[in-house]
Amino acid sequence: MRFVLDASVTLSWLLRDASARDEPYAFAVLQSLRTDGMAASAPATWSLEIANVMARCATKSQITEAQAEAFLEILEALSIIVDPDTAAHALTDTLQLARRYRLSSYDASYLELALRNAAPLATLDEDLRRAARKAGVTHFKPA
């Protein structure tokens, strides 16, 4: 089974900044990818979001080069497929979803991918979760 993975979940693995309520969920998602044979999809914006936050955190000395490299090795070992068609949907479906649900285009790209693939969505973002629910996308529930 494949699900759509949001950057909020991914970055919580590195930054450990999820709330006490969200941290168990984020690490259960990681466990699903590591040991439960699950695979995730992510829009192309996911890579840029991850890179942006990592660069900002490194500049602010919130993460070390070694931590960044170790995190990237973890991501490379997981079954995360970056969608090659994100841009093709950006000015059509993604834009419509952003307008309809008042999301950023980045967040709408996760919703668009989940809808296109009929896949559940793993996110810590409450606005995105709410929009997904309204659009008929289920929230990914790790085993």
N, C-alpha and C. Protein backbone atom coordinates (compact mmCIF):
# COMPACT_ATOMS: atom_id res chain seq x y z
N MET A 1 0.84 -1.19 0.00
CA MET A 1 0.00 0.00 0.00
C MET A 1 0.89 1.25 0.00
N ARG A 2 0.47 2.24 -0.75
CA ARG A 2 1.21 3.49 -0.82
C ARG A 2 0.36 4.62 -0.24
N PHE A 3 1.02 5.55 0.42
CA PHE A 3 0.35 6.73 0.95
C PHE A 3 1.15 7.96 0.55
N VAL A 4 0.55 9.13 0.69
CA VAL A 4 1.23 10.38 0.37
C VAL A 4 1.83 10.94 1.66
N LEU A 5 3.10 11.27 1.60
CA LEU A 5 3.86 11.73 2.76
C LEU A 5 4.09 13.23 2.68
N ASP A 6 3.64 13.95 3.70
CA ASP A 6 3.79 15.40 3.79
C ASP A 6 5.13 15.74 4.45
N ALA A 7 5.67 16.89 4.09
CA ALA A 7 6.94 17.35 4.66
C ALA A 7 6.85 17.57 6.17
N SER A 8 5.68 17.91 6.68
CA SER A 8 5.56 18.13 8.13
C SER A 8 5.90 16.88 8.92
N VAL A 9 5.49 15.73 8.41
CA VAL A 9 5.82 14.46 9.07
C VAL A 9 7.31 14.18 8.92
N THR A 10 7.80 14.30 7.70
CA THR A 10 9.21 14.01 7.41
C THR A 10 10.14 14.86 8.26
N LEU A 11 9.88 16.16 8.30
CA LEU A 11 10.77 17.06 9.03
C LEU A 11 10.72 16.85 10.54
N SER A 12 9.62 16.34 11.04
CA SER A 12 9.56 16.07 12.48
C SER A 12 10.54 14.96 12.87
N TRP A 13 10.91 14.10 11.93
CA TRP A 13 11.91 13.06 12.23
C TRP A 13 13.28 13.68 12.46
N LEU A 14 13.57 14.75 11.78
CA LEU A 14 14.86 15.44 11.91
C LEU A 14 14.85 16.40 13.08
N LEU A 15 13.83 17.22 13.16
CA LEU A 15 13.83 18.34 14.09
C LEU A 15 13.26 18.00 15.46
N ARG A 16 12.54 16.90 15.53
CA ARG A 16 11.92 16.50 16.80
C ARG A 16 11.11 17.65 17.39
N ASP A 17 10.40 18.38 16.53
CA ASP A 17 9.64 19.54 16.98
C ASP A 17 8.14 19.32 16.97
N ALA A 18 7.73 18.09 16.74
CA ALA A 18 6.30 17.80 16.75
C ALA A 18 5.77 17.91 18.18
N SER A 19 4.51 18.23 18.28
CA SER A 19 3.90 18.31 19.60
C SER A 19 3.85 16.92 20.22
N ALA A 20 3.62 16.87 21.50
CA ALA A 20 3.52 15.58 22.20
C ALA A 20 2.42 14.73 21.57
N ARG A 21 1.39 15.38 21.06
CA ARG A 21 0.28 14.67 20.43
C ARG A 21 0.69 14.12 19.06
N ASP A 22 1.52 14.87 18.32
CA ASP A 22 1.88 14.49 16.95
C ASP A 22 3.10 13.59 16.82
N GLU A 23 4.01 13.65 17.78
CA GLU A 23 5.26 12.90 17.66
C GLU A 23 5.04 11.40 17.53
N PRO A 24 4.17 10.77 18.33
CA PRO A 24 3.97 9.33 18.16
C PRO A 24 3.47 8.97 16.76
N TYR A 25 2.59 9.81 16.21
CA TYR A 25 2.09 9.57 14.86
C TYR A 25 3.23 9.64 13.85
N ALA A 26 4.03 10.70 13.93
CA ALA A 26 5.13 10.88 12.97
C ALA A 26 6.09 9.70 12.99
N PHE A 27 6.42 9.22 14.17
CA PHE A 27 7.36 8.10 14.25
C PHE A 27 6.71 6.77 13.89
N ALA A 28 5.40 6.65 14.04
CA ALA A 28 4.70 5.46 13.57
C ALA A 28 4.71 5.42 12.03
N VAL A 29 4.60 6.58 11.41
CA VAL A 29 4.70 6.66 9.94
C VAL A 29 6.10 6.22 9.51
N LEU A 30 7.12 6.70 10.19
CA LEU A 30 8.50 6.30 9.88
C LEU A 30 8.65 4.79 10.04
N GLN A 31 8.11 4.25 11.10
CA GLN A 31 8.18 2.80 11.34
C GLN A 31 7.49 2.03 10.21
N SER A 32 6.37 2.54 9.72
CA SER A 32 5.67 1.89 8.61
C SER A 32 6.56 1.80 7.37
N LEU A 33 7.32 2.85 7.13
CA LEU A 33 8.21 2.85 5.97
C LEU A 33 9.43 1.97 6.19
N ARG A 34 9.91 1.92 7.42
CA ARG A 34 11.13 1.15 7.70
C ARG A 34 10.88 -0.35 7.75
N THR A 35 9.81 -0.76 8.40
CA THR A 35 9.68 -2.19 8.68
C THR A 35 8.38 -2.83 8.21
N ASP A 36 7.40 -2.05 7.85
CA ASP A 36 6.10 -2.63 7.49
C ASP A 36 5.90 -2.79 5.99
N GLY A 37 6.95 -2.54 5.21
CA GLY A 37 6.86 -2.72 3.77
C GLY A 37 6.01 -1.68 3.06
N MET A 38 5.77 -0.57 3.71
CA MET A 38 4.96 0.49 3.12
C MET A 38 5.83 1.34 2.19
N ALA A 39 5.18 1.98 1.25
CA ALA A 39 5.85 2.93 0.36
C ALA A 39 5.08 4.24 0.40
N ALA A 40 5.78 5.32 0.19
CA ALA A 40 5.15 6.64 0.19
C ALA A 40 5.42 7.34 -1.13
N SER A 41 4.48 8.20 -1.47
CA SER A 41 4.65 9.11 -2.60
C SER A 41 4.70 10.51 -2.04
N ALA A 42 5.37 11.38 -2.75
CA ALA A 42 5.42 12.79 -2.36
C ALA A 42 5.48 13.63 -3.63
N PRO A 43 4.83 14.79 -3.61
CA PRO A 43 4.95 15.67 -4.77
C PRO A 43 6.37 16.21 -4.86
N ALA A 44 6.73 16.73 -6.01
CA ALA A 44 8.08 17.26 -6.20
C ALA A 44 8.38 18.40 -5.24
N THR A 45 7.36 19.08 -4.76
CA THR A 45 7.57 20.16 -3.79
C THR A 45 8.14 19.64 -2.48
N TRP A 46 7.92 18.38 -2.18
CA TRP A 46 8.41 17.77 -0.93
C TRP A 46 9.93 17.92 -0.82
N SER A 47 10.65 17.59 -1.88
CA SER A 47 12.11 17.68 -1.86
C SER A 47 12.57 19.11 -1.59
N LEU A 48 11.89 20.07 -2.22
CA LEU A 48 12.25 21.48 -2.02
C LEU A 48 11.95 21.94 -0.60
N GLU A 49 10.82 21.50 -0.06
CA GLU A 49 10.49 21.87 1.32
C GLU A 49 11.52 21.31 2.30
N ILE A 50 11.90 20.06 2.10
CA ILE A 50 12.89 19.43 2.98
C ILE A 50 14.22 20.18 2.87
N ALA A 51 14.66 20.43 1.64
CA ALA A 51 15.93 21.13 1.43
C ALA A 51 15.90 22.53 2.03
N ASN A 52 14.79 23.24 1.88
CA ASN A 52 14.67 24.60 2.41
C ASN A 52 14.80 24.62 3.93
N VAL A 53 14.08 23.75 4.60
CA VAL A 53 14.13 23.72 6.06
C VAL A 53 15.51 23.28 6.54
N MET A 54 16.10 22.29 5.88
CA MET A 54 17.43 21.85 6.28
C MET A 54 18.45 22.97 6.12
N ALA A 55 18.38 23.71 5.02
CA ALA A 55 19.32 24.81 4.80
C ALA A 55 19.14 25.90 5.85
N ARG A 56 17.89 26.25 6.15
CA ARG A 56 17.63 27.28 7.17
C ARG A 56 18.12 26.83 8.54
N CYS A 57 17.87 25.57 8.88
CA CYS A 57 18.30 25.05 10.19
C CYS A 57 19.83 25.01 10.29
N ALA A 58 20.49 24.66 9.20
CA ALA A 58 21.96 24.64 9.21
C ALA A 58 22.51 26.05 9.38
N THR A 59 21.90 27.01 8.70
CA THR A 59 22.33 28.41 8.81
C THR A 59 22.19 28.92 10.24
N LYS A 60 21.13 28.48 10.91
CA LYS A 60 20.87 28.91 12.29
C LYS A 60 21.55 28.00 13.32
N SER A 61 22.39 27.09 12.84
CA SER A 61 23.09 26.12 13.71
C SER A 61 22.14 25.26 14.54
N GLN A 62 20.97 24.97 13.97
CA GLN A 62 20.02 24.09 14.65
C GLN A 62 20.28 22.62 14.34
N ILE A 63 20.98 22.37 13.24
CA ILE A 63 21.43 21.02 12.91
C ILE A 63 22.87 21.11 12.42
N THR A 64 23.60 20.03 12.64
CA THR A 64 24.98 19.98 12.17
C THR A 64 25.02 19.34 10.79
N GLU A 65 26.15 19.47 10.14
CA GLU A 65 26.35 18.83 8.83
C GLU A 65 26.19 17.32 8.96
N ALA A 66 26.71 16.76 10.04
CA ALA A 66 26.60 15.31 10.27
C ALA A 66 25.14 14.90 10.44
N GLN A 67 24.37 15.68 11.17
CA GLN A 67 22.95 15.38 11.34
C GLN A 67 22.22 15.45 10.01
N ALA A 68 22.53 16.45 9.21
CA ALA A 68 21.90 16.60 7.90
C ALA A 68 22.23 15.41 7.01
N GLU A 69 23.49 15.01 6.98
CA GLU A 69 23.89 13.87 6.16
C GLU A 69 23.23 12.58 6.62
N ALA A 70 23.17 12.37 7.93
CA ALA A 70 22.52 11.17 8.47
C ALA A 70 21.04 11.14 8.12
N PHE A 71 20.39 12.29 8.20
CA PHE A 71 18.97 12.38 7.86
C PHE A 71 18.74 12.06 6.39
N LEU A 72 19.58 12.60 5.52
CA LEU A 72 19.44 12.32 4.09
C LEU A 72 19.66 10.84 3.79
N GLU A 73 20.58 10.20 4.51
CA GLU A 73 20.78 8.76 4.34
C GLU A 73 19.54 7.98 4.75
N ILE A 74 18.89 8.41 5.83
CA ILE A 74 17.65 7.76 6.26
C ILE A 74 16.60 7.90 5.16
N LEU A 75 16.43 9.11 4.64
CA LEU A 75 15.42 9.33 3.60
C LEU A 75 15.71 8.49 2.36
N GLU A 76 16.98 8.40 1.97
CA GLU A 76 17.34 7.61 0.79
C GLU A 76 17.06 6.13 0.97
N ALA A 77 17.11 5.65 2.21
CA ALA A 77 16.88 4.23 2.48
C ALA A 77 15.39 3.88 2.51
N LEU A 78 14.54 4.87 2.61
CA LEU A 78 13.10 4.63 2.68
C LEU A 78 12.51 4.58 1.28
N SER A 79 11.38 3.91 1.18
CA SER A 79 10.68 3.82 -0.10
C SER A 79 9.77 5.04 -0.26
N ILE A 80 10.37 6.15 -0.70
CA ILE A 80 9.63 7.39 -0.94
C ILE A 80 9.83 7.75 -2.41
N ILE A 81 8.75 7.74 -3.15
CA ILE A 81 8.80 8.02 -4.57
C ILE A 81 8.33 9.45 -4.80
N VAL A 82 9.20 10.27 -5.37
CA VAL A 82 8.84 11.66 -5.67
C VAL A 82 8.12 11.67 -7.02
N ASP A 83 6.93 12.23 -7.01
CA ASP A 83 6.06 12.26 -8.19
C ASP A 83 6.66 13.11 -9.31
N PRO A 84 6.83 12.55 -10.49
CA PRO A 84 7.40 13.33 -11.59
C PRO A 84 6.38 14.24 -12.29
N ASP A 85 5.11 14.10 -11.94
CA ASP A 85 4.06 14.85 -12.65
C ASP A 85 3.49 16.02 -11.86
N THR A 86 4.11 16.37 -10.75
CA THR A 86 3.60 17.46 -9.92
C THR A 86 3.42 18.75 -10.72
N ALA A 87 4.42 19.13 -11.48
CA ALA A 87 4.37 20.39 -12.23
C ALA A 87 3.25 20.38 -13.27
N ALA A 88 2.98 19.24 -13.85
CA ALA A 88 1.94 19.16 -14.88
C ALA A 88 0.56 19.45 -14.31
N HIS A 89 0.38 19.29 -13.02
CA HIS A 89 -0.91 19.52 -12.37
C HIS A 89 -0.96 20.85 -11.61
N ALA A 90 0.16 21.54 -11.54
CA ALA A 90 0.27 22.73 -10.68
C ALA A 90 -0.71 23.83 -11.04
N LEU A 91 -0.85 24.14 -12.31
CA LEU A 91 -1.68 25.27 -12.72
C LEU A 91 -3.12 24.87 -13.02
N THR A 92 -3.44 23.62 -12.79
CA THR A 92 -4.81 23.15 -13.00
C THR A 92 -5.36 22.63 -11.68
N ASP A 93 -5.25 21.34 -11.46
CA ASP A 93 -5.85 20.71 -10.28
C ASP A 93 -5.32 21.28 -8.97
N THR A 94 -4.02 21.45 -8.87
CA THR A 94 -3.43 21.94 -7.62
C THR A 94 -3.91 23.36 -7.32
N LEU A 95 -3.92 24.20 -8.31
CA LEU A 95 -4.40 25.57 -8.13
C LEU A 95 -5.86 25.59 -7.70
N GLN A 96 -6.68 24.75 -8.33
CA GLN A 96 -8.10 24.68 -7.96
C GLN A 96 -8.28 24.23 -6.52
N LEU A 97 -7.50 23.25 -6.10
CA LEU A 97 -7.58 22.77 -4.72
C LEU A 97 -7.11 23.84 -3.74
N ALA A 98 -6.06 24.55 -4.09
CA ALA A 98 -5.55 25.63 -3.23
C ALA A 98 -6.63 26.68 -3.02
N ARG A 99 -7.30 27.04 -4.09
CA ARG A 99 -8.37 28.04 -3.99
C ARG A 99 -9.56 27.51 -3.20
N ARG A 100 -9.99 26.31 -3.54
CA ARG A 100 -11.19 25.75 -2.91
C ARG A 100 -11.02 25.59 -1.41
N TYR A 101 -9.84 25.12 -0.98
CA TYR A 101 -9.64 24.81 0.44
C TYR A 101 -8.76 25.83 1.16
N ARG A 102 -8.42 26.91 0.46
CA ARG A 102 -7.60 27.98 1.06
C ARG A 102 -6.27 27.44 1.61
N LEU A 103 -5.60 26.69 0.76
CA LEU A 103 -4.30 26.10 1.09
C LEU A 103 -3.21 26.80 0.30
N SER A 104 -1.98 26.70 0.78
CA SER A 104 -0.86 27.12 -0.06
C SER A 104 -0.77 26.15 -1.23
N SER A 105 -0.15 26.57 -2.30
CA SER A 105 0.01 25.66 -3.43
C SER A 105 0.86 24.45 -3.04
N TYR A 106 1.79 24.65 -2.10
CA TYR A 106 2.62 23.53 -1.63
C TYR A 106 1.74 22.48 -0.95
N ASP A 107 0.89 22.93 -0.02
CA ASP A 107 0.02 21.98 0.67
C ASP A 107 -0.98 21.35 -0.30
N ALA A 108 -1.50 22.15 -1.22
CA ALA A 108 -2.45 21.62 -2.20
C ALA A 108 -1.81 20.55 -3.08
N SER A 109 -0.50 20.62 -3.29
CA SER A 109 0.16 19.60 -4.12
C SER A 109 0.11 18.22 -3.46
N TYR A 110 0.13 18.17 -2.14
CA TYR A 110 -0.01 16.89 -1.43
C TYR A 110 -1.43 16.36 -1.59
N LEU A 111 -2.40 17.24 -1.46
CA LEU A 111 -3.80 16.85 -1.62
C LEU A 111 -4.07 16.39 -3.05
N GLU A 112 -3.55 17.11 -4.02
CA GLU A 112 -3.73 16.73 -5.42
C GLU A 112 -3.17 15.34 -5.69
N LEU A 113 -1.99 15.06 -5.16
CA LEU A 113 -1.37 13.75 -5.38
C LEU A 113 -2.17 12.65 -4.70
N ALA A 114 -2.65 12.91 -3.50
CA ALA A 114 -3.48 11.92 -2.80
C ALA A 114 -4.76 11.63 -3.58
N LEU A 115 -5.39 12.66 -4.10
CA LEU A 115 -6.60 12.47 -4.90
C LEU A 115 -6.29 11.71 -6.19
N ARG A 116 -5.24 12.11 -6.87
CA ARG A 116 -4.87 11.47 -8.14
C ARG A 116 -4.55 10.00 -7.96
N ASN A 117 -3.91 9.65 -6.85
CA ASN A 117 -3.51 8.26 -6.61
C ASN A 117 -4.48 7.50 -5.73
N ALA A 118 -5.57 8.14 -5.33
CA ALA A 118 -6.54 7.51 -4.42
C ALA A 118 -5.81 6.92 -3.21
N ALA A 119 -4.95 7.74 -2.62
CA ALA A 119 -4.10 7.29 -1.51
C ALA A 119 -4.38 8.11 -0.26
N PRO A 120 -4.21 7.49 0.91
CA PRO A 120 -4.33 8.27 2.15
C PRO A 120 -3.16 9.24 2.29
N LEU A 121 -3.33 10.22 3.15
CA LEU A 121 -2.35 11.29 3.33
C LEU A 121 -1.82 11.28 4.75
N ALA A 122 -0.50 11.28 4.90
CA ALA A 122 0.15 11.39 6.21
C ALA A 122 0.62 12.83 6.38
N THR A 123 -0.01 13.55 7.30
CA THR A 123 0.35 14.95 7.54
C THR A 123 0.13 15.30 9.00
N LEU A 124 0.89 16.28 9.47
CA LEU A 124 0.67 16.85 10.80
C LEU A 124 -0.02 18.21 10.69
N ASP A 125 -0.20 18.68 9.48
CA ASP A 125 -0.78 20.00 9.22
C ASP A 125 -2.30 19.92 9.35
N GLU A 126 -2.84 20.60 10.34
CA GLU A 126 -4.28 20.51 10.61
C GLU A 126 -5.13 21.08 9.47
N ASP A 127 -4.70 22.18 8.85
CA ASP A 127 -5.47 22.73 7.73
C ASP A 127 -5.49 21.77 6.55
N LEU A 128 -4.36 21.15 6.27
CA LEU A 128 -4.29 20.18 5.18
C LEU A 128 -5.12 18.95 5.52
N ARG A 129 -5.06 18.50 6.74
CA ARG A 129 -5.85 17.34 7.17
C ARG A 129 -7.35 17.63 7.00
N ARG A 130 -7.77 18.82 7.40
CA ARG A 130 -9.17 19.21 7.28
C ARG A 130 -9.60 19.28 5.81
N ALA A 131 -8.76 19.88 4.98
CA ALA A 131 -9.06 19.96 3.54
C ALA A 131 -9.14 18.57 2.93
N ALA A 132 -8.23 17.70 3.31
CA ALA A 132 -8.23 16.33 2.79
C ALA A 132 -9.53 15.62 3.16
N ARG A 133 -9.94 15.78 4.40
CA ARG A 133 -11.18 15.16 4.85
C ARG A 133 -12.36 15.65 4.00
N LYS A 134 -12.43 16.96 3.77
CA LYS A 134 -13.51 17.53 2.96
C LYS A 134 -13.46 17.03 1.52
N ALA A 135 -12.26 16.77 1.02
CA ALA A 135 -12.09 16.29 -0.36
C ALA A 135 -12.26 14.77 -0.48
N GLY A 136 -12.46 14.10 0.65
CA GLY A 136 -12.66 12.65 0.63
C GLY A 136 -11.40 11.84 0.73
N VAL A 137 -10.30 12.47 1.12
CA VAL A 137 -9.02 11.76 1.29
C VAL A 137 -8.88 11.36 2.75
N THR A 138 -8.56 10.11 3.00
CA THR A 138 -8.41 9.64 4.38
C THR A 138 -7.03 9.99 4.92
N HIS A 139 -6.96 10.10 6.24
CA HIS A 139 -5.70 10.34 6.92
C HIS A 139 -5.01 9.00 7.08
N PHE A 140 -3.74 8.91 6.69
CA PHE A 140 -3.01 7.65 6.79
C PHE A 140 -2.92 7.22 8.25
N LYS A 141 -3.25 5.96 8.49
CA LYS A 141 -3.17 5.40 9.84
C LYS A 141 -2.13 4.29 9.84
N PRO A 142 -0.97 4.55 10.45
CA PRO A 142 0.07 3.51 10.50
C PRO A 142 -0.40 2.32 11.34
N ALA A 143 0.17 1.17 11.05
CA ALA A 143 -0.20 -0.05 11.79
C ALA A 143 0.22 0.05 13.24
